[in-house]
Amino acid sequence: MIGNTKYYLGGKNVTYNNGYADTPLQFYSYERKIQNTTSNEFYNGTNPNSWVGKLGLMYVSDYGYASSNCENKRIYDYNSSANDIRVCNDTNWLYNIKDNEWILPQNAGTSNRAFYVNSNGHVNYNFVVYNGQFAVRPVLYLTSSVKITGGNGTSSSPYTLGLWSISLDLVNLT
């Protein structure tokens, strides 16, 4: 049911002056870059640009796209929450655990920092070796053999999943 997927590991060299003005829409393009055009632009040093596996973490862009009309809001505005994706907390269905939560992209400027969703709903970065506890929300891709067998996708009636069955009729060719 769960398929192997290529997770892209691109990020950005973010500082308080340059990166927080970026939007989830812009981060989508950074996440999928496969090569630096300048030093440490999307990847730090020789970090890999992708990974294939069954489970990963959500991207910055996933979090931004989970809101209504907020893909063009900044991921974080140090001066005002009115200018970043926190204004979309009420419509962001992923803003529900309200805890610091690791997400996939790396900070390309250093090998020891990664992005996370802050408990207030904005995106920031921190050291990957950290004394505090951060939540993780695994993501996965289902194979094409999976079908929805019931439910309507709400919390009171979640989807139930099953597998497509293939019936093969044998034909006598003699």
N, C-alpha and C. Protein backbone atom coordinates (compact mmCIF):
# COMPACT_ATOMS: atom_id res chain seq x y z
N MET A 1 0.81 -1.20 0.00
CA MET A 1 0.00 0.00 0.00
C MET A 1 0.85 1.26 0.00
N ILE A 2 1.95 1.22 0.72
CA ILE A 2 2.84 2.39 0.79
C ILE A 2 3.97 2.19 -0.20
N GLY A 3 4.15 3.15 -1.08
CA GLY A 3 5.15 3.03 -2.12
C GLY A 3 6.44 3.75 -1.80
N ASN A 4 7.52 3.30 -2.41
CA ASN A 4 8.77 4.05 -2.35
C ASN A 4 8.60 5.33 -3.14
N THR A 5 9.11 6.41 -2.61
CA THR A 5 8.96 7.72 -3.22
C THR A 5 10.28 8.47 -3.16
N LYS A 6 10.52 9.29 -4.15
CA LYS A 6 11.70 10.14 -4.14
C LYS A 6 11.35 11.43 -3.41
N TYR A 7 12.02 11.65 -2.28
CA TYR A 7 11.85 12.88 -1.51
C TYR A 7 13.01 13.81 -1.86
N TYR A 8 12.68 15.00 -2.29
CA TYR A 8 13.70 15.99 -2.65
C TYR A 8 14.14 16.72 -1.39
N LEU A 9 15.42 16.98 -1.26
CA LEU A 9 15.98 17.51 -0.02
C LEU A 9 16.48 18.94 -0.14
N GLY A 10 16.12 19.64 -1.19
CA GLY A 10 16.56 21.01 -1.36
C GLY A 10 15.97 21.94 -0.31
N GLY A 11 16.70 22.96 0.01
CA GLY A 11 16.26 23.97 0.96
C GLY A 11 16.75 25.32 0.52
N LYS A 12 17.09 26.15 1.47
CA LYS A 12 17.60 27.47 1.16
C LYS A 12 18.51 27.92 2.28
N ASN A 13 19.48 28.74 1.95
CA ASN A 13 20.34 29.36 2.94
C ASN A 13 19.57 30.56 3.48
N VAL A 14 18.90 30.37 4.59
CA VAL A 14 17.98 31.37 5.13
C VAL A 14 18.65 32.15 6.25
N THR A 15 18.45 33.46 6.22
CA THR A 15 18.83 34.32 7.35
C THR A 15 17.62 35.19 7.67
N TYR A 16 17.67 35.87 8.78
CA TYR A 16 16.57 36.75 9.14
C TYR A 16 16.39 37.86 8.11
N ASN A 17 17.43 38.16 7.36
CA ASN A 17 17.35 39.25 6.39
C ASN A 17 16.86 38.81 5.02
N ASN A 18 17.14 37.55 4.61
CA ASN A 18 16.82 37.21 3.22
C ASN A 18 15.82 36.09 3.03
N GLY A 19 15.78 35.12 3.91
CA GLY A 19 14.99 33.93 3.62
C GLY A 19 13.57 33.97 4.10
N TYR A 20 13.33 34.71 5.13
CA TYR A 20 11.99 34.70 5.68
C TYR A 20 11.00 35.48 4.83
N ALA A 21 11.49 36.20 3.86
CA ALA A 21 10.59 36.89 2.93
C ALA A 21 10.05 35.92 1.89
N ASP A 22 10.63 34.72 1.83
CA ASP A 22 10.19 33.73 0.85
C ASP A 22 8.85 33.12 1.24
N THR A 23 8.14 32.65 0.24
CA THR A 23 6.80 32.11 0.41
C THR A 23 6.81 30.59 0.20
N PRO A 24 5.75 29.89 0.60
CA PRO A 24 5.67 28.46 0.29
C PRO A 24 5.78 28.18 -1.20
N LEU A 25 5.24 29.05 -2.02
CA LEU A 25 5.34 28.90 -3.47
C LEU A 25 6.80 28.92 -3.92
N GLN A 26 7.60 29.84 -3.37
CA GLN A 26 9.03 29.90 -3.70
C GLN A 26 9.76 28.68 -3.14
N PHE A 27 9.40 28.27 -1.92
CA PHE A 27 10.06 27.11 -1.32
C PHE A 27 9.82 25.84 -2.13
N TYR A 28 8.66 25.74 -2.76
CA TYR A 28 8.40 24.56 -3.60
C TYR A 28 9.50 24.41 -4.65
N SER A 29 9.91 25.51 -5.25
CA SER A 29 10.97 25.42 -6.27
C SER A 29 12.32 25.11 -5.63
N TYR A 30 12.61 25.63 -4.44
CA TYR A 30 13.89 25.33 -3.78
C TYR A 30 13.97 23.86 -3.39
N GLU A 31 12.86 23.32 -2.89
CA GLU A 31 12.83 21.94 -2.42
C GLU A 31 13.16 20.95 -3.53
N ARG A 32 12.84 21.29 -4.75
CA ARG A 32 13.03 20.37 -5.86
C ARG A 32 14.25 20.66 -6.72
N LYS A 33 15.07 21.61 -6.30
CA LYS A 33 16.31 21.88 -7.03
C LYS A 33 17.21 20.66 -6.90
N ILE A 34 17.91 20.35 -7.96
CA ILE A 34 18.80 19.19 -7.90
C ILE A 34 20.27 19.56 -7.95
N GLN A 35 20.57 20.86 -8.09
CA GLN A 35 21.96 21.26 -8.15
C GLN A 35 22.10 22.71 -7.69
N ASN A 36 23.14 22.97 -6.90
CA ASN A 36 23.46 24.34 -6.53
C ASN A 36 23.93 25.10 -7.75
N THR A 37 23.52 26.36 -7.88
CA THR A 37 24.09 27.21 -8.92
C THR A 37 25.19 28.08 -8.34
N THR A 38 25.13 28.32 -7.03
CA THR A 38 26.21 28.96 -6.29
C THR A 38 26.44 28.14 -5.03
N SER A 39 27.52 28.36 -4.33
CA SER A 39 27.87 27.57 -3.15
C SER A 39 26.77 27.63 -2.09
N ASN A 40 26.37 26.47 -1.60
CA ASN A 40 25.40 26.34 -0.51
C ASN A 40 24.09 27.07 -0.78
N GLU A 41 23.66 27.10 -2.02
CA GLU A 41 22.41 27.78 -2.35
C GLU A 41 21.19 26.94 -1.96
N PHE A 42 21.16 25.66 -2.34
CA PHE A 42 20.04 24.77 -2.03
C PHE A 42 20.45 23.58 -1.18
N TYR A 43 21.76 23.24 -1.19
CA TYR A 43 22.29 22.12 -0.43
C TYR A 43 23.58 22.57 0.24
N ASN A 44 23.82 22.05 1.44
CA ASN A 44 25.06 22.38 2.12
C ASN A 44 26.14 21.39 1.70
N GLY A 45 27.24 21.92 1.20
CA GLY A 45 28.38 21.09 0.84
C GLY A 45 28.02 19.96 -0.09
N THR A 46 28.26 18.74 0.36
CA THR A 46 27.98 17.57 -0.46
C THR A 46 26.73 16.83 -0.01
N ASN A 47 25.85 17.48 0.72
CA ASN A 47 24.60 16.82 1.13
C ASN A 47 23.86 16.30 -0.10
N PRO A 48 23.17 15.18 0.02
CA PRO A 48 22.43 14.64 -1.13
C PRO A 48 21.26 15.54 -1.50
N ASN A 49 20.81 15.43 -2.76
CA ASN A 49 19.68 16.25 -3.21
C ASN A 49 18.35 15.50 -3.19
N SER A 50 18.39 14.20 -2.92
CA SER A 50 17.14 13.44 -2.83
C SER A 50 17.38 12.17 -2.03
N TRP A 51 16.27 11.53 -1.68
CA TRP A 51 16.31 10.27 -0.94
C TRP A 51 15.08 9.47 -1.35
N VAL A 52 15.23 8.18 -1.54
CA VAL A 52 14.10 7.32 -1.88
C VAL A 52 13.76 6.46 -0.68
N GLY A 53 12.51 6.47 -0.28
CA GLY A 53 12.06 5.68 0.85
C GLY A 53 10.55 5.71 0.98
N LYS A 54 10.05 5.05 2.01
CA LYS A 54 8.61 4.94 2.21
C LYS A 54 8.04 6.07 3.06
N LEU A 55 8.81 6.59 4.00
CA LEU A 55 8.32 7.65 4.88
C LEU A 55 9.24 8.85 4.84
N GLY A 56 8.66 10.02 4.91
CA GLY A 56 9.43 11.26 4.97
C GLY A 56 8.72 12.24 5.89
N LEU A 57 9.12 13.49 5.80
CA LEU A 57 8.46 14.58 6.53
C LEU A 57 7.88 15.55 5.52
N MET A 58 6.90 16.33 5.94
CA MET A 58 6.31 17.28 4.99
C MET A 58 7.31 18.40 4.68
N TYR A 59 7.08 19.03 3.55
CA TYR A 59 7.88 20.15 3.09
C TYR A 59 7.31 21.48 3.62
N VAL A 60 8.11 22.53 3.55
CA VAL A 60 7.62 23.88 3.83
C VAL A 60 6.42 24.18 2.94
N SER A 61 6.53 23.84 1.66
CA SER A 61 5.45 24.14 0.72
C SER A 61 4.17 23.38 1.08
N ASP A 62 4.28 22.14 1.57
CA ASP A 62 3.09 21.39 1.99
C ASP A 62 2.33 22.14 3.07
N TYR A 63 3.09 22.65 4.05
CA TYR A 63 2.46 23.38 5.15
C TYR A 63 1.78 24.65 4.64
N GLY A 64 2.43 25.37 3.76
CA GLY A 64 1.85 26.60 3.22
C GLY A 64 0.64 26.35 2.34
N TYR A 65 0.68 25.28 1.55
CA TYR A 65 -0.45 24.96 0.66
C TYR A 65 -1.65 24.41 1.42
N ALA A 66 -1.49 24.04 2.68
CA ALA A 66 -2.61 23.49 3.46
C ALA A 66 -3.55 24.58 3.95
N SER A 67 -3.24 25.83 3.67
CA SER A 67 -4.08 26.96 4.04
C SER A 67 -4.84 27.47 2.84
N SER A 68 -5.86 28.21 3.12
CA SER A 68 -6.64 28.80 2.04
C SER A 68 -6.00 30.11 1.60
N ASN A 69 -5.51 30.16 0.36
CA ASN A 69 -4.95 31.38 -0.24
C ASN A 69 -3.76 31.96 0.52
N CYS A 70 -2.87 31.12 1.00
CA CYS A 70 -1.71 31.62 1.74
C CYS A 70 -0.38 31.20 1.14
N GLU A 71 -0.41 30.62 -0.05
CA GLU A 71 0.84 30.16 -0.65
C GLU A 71 1.77 31.31 -1.01
N ASN A 72 1.27 32.54 -1.03
CA ASN A 72 2.11 33.71 -1.31
C ASN A 72 2.42 34.55 -0.08
N LYS A 73 2.12 34.04 1.10
CA LYS A 73 2.50 34.71 2.35
C LYS A 73 3.92 34.31 2.72
N ARG A 74 4.64 35.18 3.38
CA ARG A 74 5.99 34.85 3.85
C ARG A 74 5.92 33.68 4.84
N ILE A 75 6.99 32.89 4.90
CA ILE A 75 7.01 31.80 5.86
C ILE A 75 7.17 32.32 7.29
N TYR A 76 7.79 33.49 7.42
CA TYR A 76 7.96 34.09 8.74
C TYR A 76 8.33 35.56 8.55
N ASP A 77 7.68 36.42 9.29
CA ASP A 77 8.05 37.83 9.32
C ASP A 77 8.41 38.16 10.76
N TYR A 78 9.67 38.41 10.99
CA TYR A 78 10.19 38.67 12.33
C TYR A 78 9.48 39.84 12.99
N ASN A 79 9.03 40.82 12.19
CA ASN A 79 8.43 42.04 12.74
C ASN A 79 6.93 41.97 12.95
N SER A 80 6.23 41.13 12.20
CA SER A 80 4.77 41.15 12.29
C SER A 80 4.15 39.85 11.80
N SER A 81 3.34 39.23 12.64
CA SER A 81 2.65 38.00 12.23
C SER A 81 1.57 38.29 11.20
N ALA A 82 1.19 39.54 11.04
CA ALA A 82 0.17 39.90 10.04
C ALA A 82 0.70 39.75 8.61
N ASN A 83 2.03 39.65 8.47
CA ASN A 83 2.63 39.56 7.14
C ASN A 83 3.08 38.16 6.75
N ASP A 84 2.84 37.16 7.60
CA ASP A 84 3.31 35.81 7.26
C ASP A 84 2.18 34.79 7.38
N ILE A 85 2.53 33.52 7.25
CA ILE A 85 1.51 32.48 7.17
C ILE A 85 0.74 32.26 8.47
N ARG A 86 1.15 32.89 9.55
CA ARG A 86 0.37 32.77 10.79
C ARG A 86 -1.03 33.36 10.64
N VAL A 87 -1.22 34.30 9.71
CA VAL A 87 -2.56 34.85 9.51
C VAL A 87 -3.50 33.79 8.94
N CYS A 88 -2.95 32.69 8.50
CA CYS A 88 -3.75 31.61 7.90
C CYS A 88 -3.97 30.44 8.85
N ASN A 89 -3.57 30.56 10.11
CA ASN A 89 -3.71 29.45 11.05
C ASN A 89 -5.14 28.91 11.11
N ASP A 90 -6.12 29.78 11.02
CA ASP A 90 -7.52 29.34 11.13
C ASP A 90 -7.96 28.49 9.95
N THR A 91 -7.30 28.63 8.81
CA THR A 91 -7.69 27.84 7.63
C THR A 91 -6.67 26.76 7.29
N ASN A 92 -5.61 26.63 8.06
CA ASN A 92 -4.58 25.63 7.77
C ASN A 92 -4.90 24.34 8.52
N TRP A 93 -5.30 23.32 7.79
CA TRP A 93 -5.68 22.07 8.44
C TRP A 93 -4.49 21.33 9.03
N LEU A 94 -3.26 21.72 8.69
CA LEU A 94 -2.08 21.12 9.30
C LEU A 94 -1.67 21.82 10.59
N TYR A 95 -2.25 22.98 10.86
CA TYR A 95 -1.95 23.68 12.11
C TYR A 95 -2.91 23.15 13.18
N ASN A 96 -2.67 21.92 13.61
CA ASN A 96 -3.57 21.32 14.57
C ASN A 96 -2.87 20.74 15.78
N ILE A 97 -1.58 20.46 15.72
CA ILE A 97 -0.92 19.94 16.91
C ILE A 97 -0.30 21.07 17.74
N LYS A 98 -0.13 22.23 17.14
CA LYS A 98 0.36 23.43 17.83
C LYS A 98 1.58 23.15 18.70
N ASP A 99 2.53 22.48 18.09
CA ASP A 99 3.78 22.14 18.74
C ASP A 99 4.89 22.36 17.71
N ASN A 100 6.11 22.56 18.17
CA ASN A 100 7.22 22.65 17.22
C ASN A 100 7.33 21.31 16.49
N GLU A 101 7.45 21.36 15.17
CA GLU A 101 7.38 20.15 14.36
C GLU A 101 8.41 20.20 13.23
N TRP A 102 9.30 19.20 13.17
CA TRP A 102 10.31 19.15 12.12
C TRP A 102 9.65 18.98 10.76
N ILE A 103 10.23 19.63 9.75
CA ILE A 103 9.81 19.43 8.36
C ILE A 103 11.06 19.12 7.54
N LEU A 104 10.88 18.73 6.30
CA LEU A 104 11.96 18.12 5.53
C LEU A 104 13.10 19.04 5.09
N PRO A 105 12.88 20.21 4.54
CA PRO A 105 14.00 20.93 3.93
C PRO A 105 15.12 21.29 4.90
N GLN A 106 16.30 21.35 4.35
CA GLN A 106 17.48 21.74 5.11
C GLN A 106 17.75 23.24 4.96
N ASN A 107 18.45 23.80 5.92
CA ASN A 107 19.00 25.14 5.74
C ASN A 107 20.32 24.94 5.02
N ALA A 108 20.40 25.37 3.79
CA ALA A 108 21.56 25.09 2.94
C ALA A 108 22.82 25.80 3.40
N GLY A 109 22.71 26.78 4.28
CA GLY A 109 23.87 27.53 4.71
C GLY A 109 24.73 26.82 5.73
N THR A 110 24.20 25.77 6.35
CA THR A 110 24.94 25.04 7.37
C THR A 110 24.45 23.59 7.40
N SER A 111 25.32 22.69 7.77
CA SER A 111 24.94 21.27 7.75
C SER A 111 24.20 20.83 9.00
N ASN A 112 24.08 21.71 9.99
CA ASN A 112 23.49 21.28 11.26
C ASN A 112 22.16 21.97 11.60
N ARG A 113 21.47 22.50 10.61
CA ARG A 113 20.17 23.14 10.86
C ARG A 113 19.14 22.66 9.85
N ALA A 114 17.91 22.58 10.32
CA ALA A 114 16.80 22.19 9.46
C ALA A 114 15.58 23.03 9.82
N PHE A 115 14.59 22.99 8.96
CA PHE A 115 13.38 23.79 9.17
C PHE A 115 12.38 23.06 10.06
N TYR A 116 11.53 23.85 10.70
CA TYR A 116 10.43 23.31 11.49
C TYR A 116 9.27 24.29 11.47
N VAL A 117 8.08 23.78 11.74
CA VAL A 117 6.91 24.64 11.93
C VAL A 117 6.88 24.97 13.41
N ASN A 118 6.89 26.25 13.73
CA ASN A 118 6.84 26.72 15.11
C ASN A 118 5.45 26.50 15.69
N SER A 119 5.36 26.36 16.99
CA SER A 119 4.06 26.14 17.64
C SER A 119 3.08 27.28 17.39
N ASN A 120 3.59 28.45 16.98
CA ASN A 120 2.72 29.59 16.64
C ASN A 120 2.25 29.57 15.19
N GLY A 121 2.78 28.64 14.38
CA GLY A 121 2.32 28.50 13.01
C GLY A 121 3.23 29.06 11.94
N HIS A 122 4.37 29.66 12.29
CA HIS A 122 5.28 30.12 11.25
C HIS A 122 6.41 29.10 11.07
N VAL A 123 7.16 29.25 9.99
CA VAL A 123 8.27 28.34 9.69
C VAL A 123 9.57 29.00 10.11
N ASN A 124 10.43 28.24 10.77
CA ASN A 124 11.70 28.73 11.25
C ASN A 124 12.74 27.63 11.03
N TYR A 125 13.95 27.81 11.51
CA TYR A 125 14.95 26.75 11.46
C TYR A 125 15.67 26.69 12.78
N ASN A 126 16.26 25.52 13.07
CA ASN A 126 16.95 25.32 14.33
C ASN A 126 18.02 24.26 14.14
N PHE A 127 18.86 24.11 15.16
CA PHE A 127 19.88 23.07 15.15
C PHE A 127 19.20 21.70 15.17
N VAL A 128 19.71 20.77 14.39
CA VAL A 128 19.11 19.43 14.36
C VAL A 128 19.43 18.65 15.62
N VAL A 129 20.51 18.98 16.30
CA VAL A 129 20.78 18.42 17.62
C VAL A 129 20.32 19.48 18.61
N TYR A 130 19.22 19.20 19.26
CA TYR A 130 18.53 20.21 20.06
C TYR A 130 18.08 19.58 21.36
N ASN A 131 18.15 20.31 22.46
CA ASN A 131 17.75 19.78 23.76
C ASN A 131 16.25 19.63 23.93
N GLY A 132 15.47 20.38 23.17
CA GLY A 132 14.02 20.30 23.29
C GLY A 132 13.45 19.15 22.47
N GLN A 133 12.17 18.95 22.62
CA GLN A 133 11.49 17.91 21.85
C GLN A 133 10.65 18.55 20.76
N PHE A 134 10.80 18.07 19.56
CA PHE A 134 10.00 18.53 18.42
C PHE A 134 9.16 17.35 17.95
N ALA A 135 7.96 17.63 17.51
CA ALA A 135 7.10 16.60 16.95
C ALA A 135 7.53 16.28 15.53
N VAL A 136 7.12 15.14 15.04
CA VAL A 136 7.29 14.77 13.64
C VAL A 136 5.95 14.26 13.13
N ARG A 137 5.68 14.53 11.87
CA ARG A 137 4.44 14.06 11.24
C ARG A 137 4.86 13.34 9.96
N PRO A 138 4.93 12.01 10.02
CA PRO A 138 5.36 11.27 8.83
C PRO A 138 4.39 11.47 7.66
N VAL A 139 4.94 11.50 6.47
CA VAL A 139 4.14 11.56 5.25
C VAL A 139 4.52 10.35 4.40
N LEU A 140 3.59 9.96 3.54
CA LEU A 140 3.83 8.81 2.68
C LEU A 140 3.01 8.96 1.42
N TYR A 141 3.35 8.16 0.45
CA TYR A 141 2.61 8.11 -0.81
C TYR A 141 2.03 6.71 -0.95
N LEU A 142 0.76 6.64 -1.29
CA LEU A 142 0.10 5.36 -1.49
C LEU A 142 0.32 4.88 -2.92
N THR A 143 0.39 3.58 -3.09
CA THR A 143 0.55 3.02 -4.44
C THR A 143 -0.77 3.13 -5.20
N SER A 144 -0.71 2.96 -6.48
CA SER A 144 -1.91 3.06 -7.32
C SER A 144 -2.88 1.91 -7.10
N SER A 145 -2.48 0.90 -6.35
CA SER A 145 -3.38 -0.23 -6.07
C SER A 145 -4.33 0.07 -4.91
N VAL A 146 -4.20 1.23 -4.29
CA VAL A 146 -5.04 1.60 -3.15
C VAL A 146 -6.30 2.30 -3.65
N LYS A 147 -7.42 1.96 -3.03
CA LYS A 147 -8.68 2.65 -3.35
C LYS A 147 -9.38 3.04 -2.06
N ILE A 148 -10.21 4.06 -2.13
CA ILE A 148 -11.03 4.47 -0.99
C ILE A 148 -12.23 3.54 -0.95
N THR A 149 -12.44 2.87 0.19
CA THR A 149 -13.55 1.93 0.30
C THR A 149 -14.70 2.48 1.14
N GLY A 150 -14.48 3.60 1.81
CA GLY A 150 -15.55 4.18 2.62
C GLY A 150 -15.13 5.47 3.26
N GLY A 151 -16.05 6.10 3.97
CA GLY A 151 -15.79 7.35 4.65
C GLY A 151 -15.84 8.53 3.71
N ASN A 152 -15.88 9.73 4.31
CA ASN A 152 -15.91 10.94 3.47
C ASN A 152 -14.75 11.88 3.75
N GLY A 153 -13.76 11.43 4.52
CA GLY A 153 -12.56 12.22 4.74
C GLY A 153 -12.64 13.22 5.87
N THR A 154 -13.68 13.16 6.69
CA THR A 154 -13.80 14.06 7.84
C THR A 154 -13.30 13.35 9.09
N SER A 155 -13.14 14.09 10.18
CA SER A 155 -12.69 13.46 11.42
C SER A 155 -13.72 12.48 11.96
N SER A 156 -14.99 12.73 11.71
CA SER A 156 -16.03 11.81 12.19
C SER A 156 -16.27 10.63 11.25
N SER A 157 -15.82 10.76 10.02
CA SER A 157 -15.97 9.67 9.03
C SER A 157 -14.72 9.60 8.16
N PRO A 158 -13.60 9.16 8.75
CA PRO A 158 -12.35 9.12 7.98
C PRO A 158 -12.43 8.12 6.84
N TYR A 159 -11.60 8.36 5.83
CA TYR A 159 -11.53 7.41 4.72
C TYR A 159 -11.08 6.04 5.23
N THR A 160 -11.61 5.02 4.66
CA THR A 160 -11.08 3.67 4.84
C THR A 160 -10.50 3.25 3.50
N LEU A 161 -9.43 2.49 3.56
CA LEU A 161 -8.70 2.14 2.34
C LEU A 161 -8.71 0.65 2.11
N GLY A 162 -8.62 0.28 0.88
CA GLY A 162 -8.50 -1.11 0.48
C GLY A 162 -7.64 -1.20 -0.75
N LEU A 163 -7.49 -2.39 -1.27
CA LEU A 163 -6.68 -2.60 -2.47
C LEU A 163 -7.58 -3.00 -3.62
N TRP A 164 -7.24 -2.48 -4.80
CA TRP A 164 -7.93 -2.91 -6.01
C TRP A 164 -7.61 -4.38 -6.23
N SER A 165 -8.57 -5.13 -6.65
CA SER A 165 -8.29 -6.52 -7.00
C SER A 165 -8.35 -6.65 -8.51
N ILE A 166 -7.48 -7.45 -9.02
CA ILE A 166 -7.42 -7.65 -10.47
C ILE A 166 -7.84 -9.09 -10.74
N SER A 167 -8.86 -9.24 -11.53
CA SER A 167 -9.26 -10.60 -11.89
C SER A 167 -8.71 -10.90 -13.28
N LEU A 168 -8.09 -12.01 -13.39
CA LEU A 168 -7.52 -12.42 -14.67
C LEU A 168 -8.32 -13.60 -15.20
N ASP A 169 -8.82 -13.46 -16.38
CA ASP A 169 -9.52 -14.56 -17.02
C ASP A 169 -8.52 -15.30 -17.90
N LEU A 170 -8.38 -16.57 -17.65
CA LEU A 170 -7.47 -17.37 -18.45
C LEU A 170 -8.18 -17.79 -19.72
N VAL A 171 -7.51 -17.64 -20.80
CA VAL A 171 -8.07 -18.00 -22.10
C VAL A 171 -7.30 -19.19 -22.63
N ASN A 172 -8.02 -20.17 -23.08
CA ASN A 172 -7.40 -21.34 -23.68
C ASN A 172 -7.03 -21.01 -25.12
N LEU A 173 -5.77 -20.97 -25.41
CA LEU A 173 -5.31 -20.59 -26.75
C LEU A 173 -5.11 -21.79 -27.66
N THR A 174 -5.46 -22.99 -27.26
CA THR A 174 -5.26 -24.15 -28.14
C THR A 174 -6.51 -24.50 -28.90
